[in-house]
């Protein structure tokens, strides 16, 4: 999980079980994705307290993190 400090937002690509093991989202797996596809996703969810003006900021922060991850993986 990566925290975007300026936005007080978290981006998560996996879930952690009680045994501290990483596994893909059970929701994405139930939608028919493979483990590789599920691990390649970034899950966004909005709550009652989110405001419309926050969404573009989160999108820009996510683009930055994705760019960093792609650079690290050579992709």
C-alpha atoms as a PDB file:
ATOM      1  CA  UNK A   1       0.000   0.000   0.000  1.00  0.00           C
ATOM      2  CA  UNK A   2       1.306   3.428  -0.879  1.00  0.00           C
ATOM      3  CA  UNK A   3       0.191   6.532   0.928  1.00  0.00           C
ATOM      4  CA  UNK A   4      -0.161   9.785  -0.998  1.00  0.00           C
ATOM      5  CA  UNK A   5       0.632  12.047   1.961  1.00  0.00           C
ATOM      6  CA  UNK A   6      -0.513  15.319   0.427  1.00  0.00           C
ATOM      7  CA  UNK A   7      -3.949  13.888  -0.311  1.00  0.00           C
ATOM      8  CA  UNK A   8      -4.249  11.653   2.751  1.00  0.00           C
ATOM      9  CA  UNK A   9      -5.086   8.854   0.322  1.00  0.00           C
ATOM     10  CA  UNK A  10      -3.992   5.233   0.122  1.00  0.00           C
ATOM     11  CA  UNK A  11      -3.530   3.232  -3.074  1.00  0.00           C
ATOM     12  CA  UNK A  12      -3.630  -0.509  -2.591  1.00  0.00           C
ATOM     13  CA  UNK A  13      -2.942  -3.210  -5.103  1.00  0.00           C
ATOM     14  CA  UNK A  14      -3.299  -6.249  -2.828  1.00  0.00           C
ATOM     15  CA  UNK A  15      -4.956  -7.242   0.389  1.00  0.00           C
ATOM     16  CA  UNK A  16      -3.108  -8.596   3.381  1.00  0.00           C
ATOM     17  CA  UNK A  17      -4.559 -11.614   5.140  1.00  0.00           C
ATOM     18  CA  UNK A  18      -4.518 -12.232   8.883  1.00  0.00           C
ATOM     19  CA  UNK A  19      -1.437 -14.380   8.301  1.00  0.00           C
ATOM     20  CA  UNK A  20       0.363 -11.365   6.749  1.00  0.00           C
ATOM     21  CA  UNK A  21       0.314 -12.991   3.327  1.00  0.00           C
ATOM     22  CA  UNK A  22      -0.378 -10.968   0.206  1.00  0.00           C
ATOM     23  CA  UNK A  23      -3.162 -12.179  -2.011  1.00  0.00           C
ATOM     24  CA  UNK A  24      -5.096 -10.646  -4.880  1.00  0.00           C
ATOM     25  CA  UNK A  25      -8.451  -9.049  -4.217  1.00  0.00           C
ATOM     26  CA  UNK A  26     -11.125 -11.710  -3.791  1.00  0.00           C
ATOM     27  CA  UNK A  27     -13.568  -9.350  -5.522  1.00  0.00           C
ATOM     28  CA  UNK A  28     -11.418  -9.120  -8.652  1.00  0.00           C
ATOM     29  CA  UNK A  29     -10.898 -12.876  -8.617  1.00  0.00           C
ATOM     30  CA  UNK A  30     -14.688 -13.382  -8.356  1.00  0.00           C
ATOM     31  CA  UNK A  31     -15.068 -11.190 -11.438  1.00  0.00           C
ATOM     32  CA  UNK A  32     -13.041 -13.793 -13.338  1.00  0.00           C
ATOM     33  CA  UNK A  33      -9.601 -12.196 -13.362  1.00  0.00           C
ATOM     34  CA  UNK A  34      -6.468 -14.286 -13.140  1.00  0.00           C
ATOM     35  CA  UNK A  35      -4.108 -13.696 -10.216  1.00  0.00           C
ATOM     36  CA  UNK A  36      -1.744 -11.806 -12.524  1.00  0.00           C
ATOM     37  CA  UNK A  37      -4.549  -9.551 -13.743  1.00  0.00           C
ATOM     38  CA  UNK A  38      -5.809  -8.966 -10.202  1.00  0.00           C
ATOM     39  CA  UNK A  39      -2.318  -8.110  -8.947  1.00  0.00           C
ATOM     40  CA  UNK A  40      -2.007  -5.679 -11.868  1.00  0.00           C
ATOM     41  CA  UNK A  41      -5.059  -3.675 -10.818  1.00  0.00           C
ATOM     42  CA  UNK A  42      -5.351  -0.644  -8.620  1.00  0.00           C
ATOM     43  CA  UNK A  43      -8.589  -0.537  -6.686  1.00  0.00           C
ATOM     44  CA  UNK A  44     -10.299   2.820  -6.203  1.00  0.00           C
ATOM     45  CA  UNK A  45     -13.230   3.302  -3.906  1.00  0.00           C
ATOM     46  CA  UNK A  46     -15.094   6.420  -2.930  1.00  0.00           C
ATOM     47  CA  UNK A  47     -16.871   7.080   0.317  1.00  0.00           C
ATOM     48  CA  UNK A  48     -19.587   9.390   1.530  1.00  0.00           C
ATOM     49  CA  UNK A  49     -17.033  11.967   2.596  1.00  0.00           C
ATOM     50  CA  UNK A  50     -15.198  12.205  -0.736  1.00  0.00           C
ATOM     51  CA  UNK A  51     -15.748  15.370  -2.719  1.00  0.00           C
ATOM     52  CA  UNK A  52     -15.755  15.729  -6.500  1.00  0.00           C
ATOM     53  CA  UNK A  53     -12.793  18.124  -6.447  1.00  0.00           C
ATOM     54  CA  UNK A  54     -10.625  15.397  -4.847  1.00  0.00           C
ATOM     55  CA  UNK A  55     -10.954  12.958  -7.737  1.00  0.00           C
ATOM     56  CA  UNK A  56      -8.634  14.735 -10.226  1.00  0.00           C
ATOM     57  CA  UNK A  57      -5.997  15.015  -7.494  1.00  0.00           C
ATOM     58  CA  UNK A  58      -6.181  11.304  -6.760  1.00  0.00           C
ATOM     59  CA  UNK A  59      -6.013  10.491 -10.492  1.00  0.00           C
ATOM     60  CA  UNK A  60      -2.842  12.579 -10.852  1.00  0.00           C
ATOM     61  CA  UNK A  61      -1.288  10.970  -7.779  1.00  0.00           C
ATOM     62  CA  UNK A  62      -2.163   7.498  -9.109  1.00  0.00           C
ATOM     63  CA  UNK A  63      -0.627   8.318 -12.512  1.00  0.00           C
ATOM     64  CA  UNK A  64       2.583   9.355 -10.758  1.00  0.00           C
ATOM     65  CA  UNK A  65       2.728   6.155  -8.691  1.00  0.00           C
ATOM     66  CA  UNK A  66       1.968   3.992 -11.739  1.00  0.00           C
ATOM     67  CA  UNK A  67       4.747   5.743 -13.646  1.00  0.00           C
ATOM     68  CA  UNK A  68       7.172   5.054 -10.802  1.00  0.00           C
ATOM     69  CA  UNK A  69       6.151   1.405 -10.634  1.00  0.00           C
ATOM     70  CA  UNK A  70       6.522   1.000 -14.401  1.00  0.00           C
ATOM     71  CA  UNK A  71       9.974   2.563 -14.257  1.00  0.00           C
ATOM     72  CA  UNK A  72      10.976   0.156 -11.479  1.00  0.00           C
ATOM     73  CA  UNK A  73       9.739  -2.865 -13.447  1.00  0.00           C
ATOM     74  CA  UNK A  74      11.227  -1.726 -16.739  1.00  0.00           C
ATOM     75  CA  UNK A  75       7.753  -1.527 -18.298  1.00  0.00           C
END
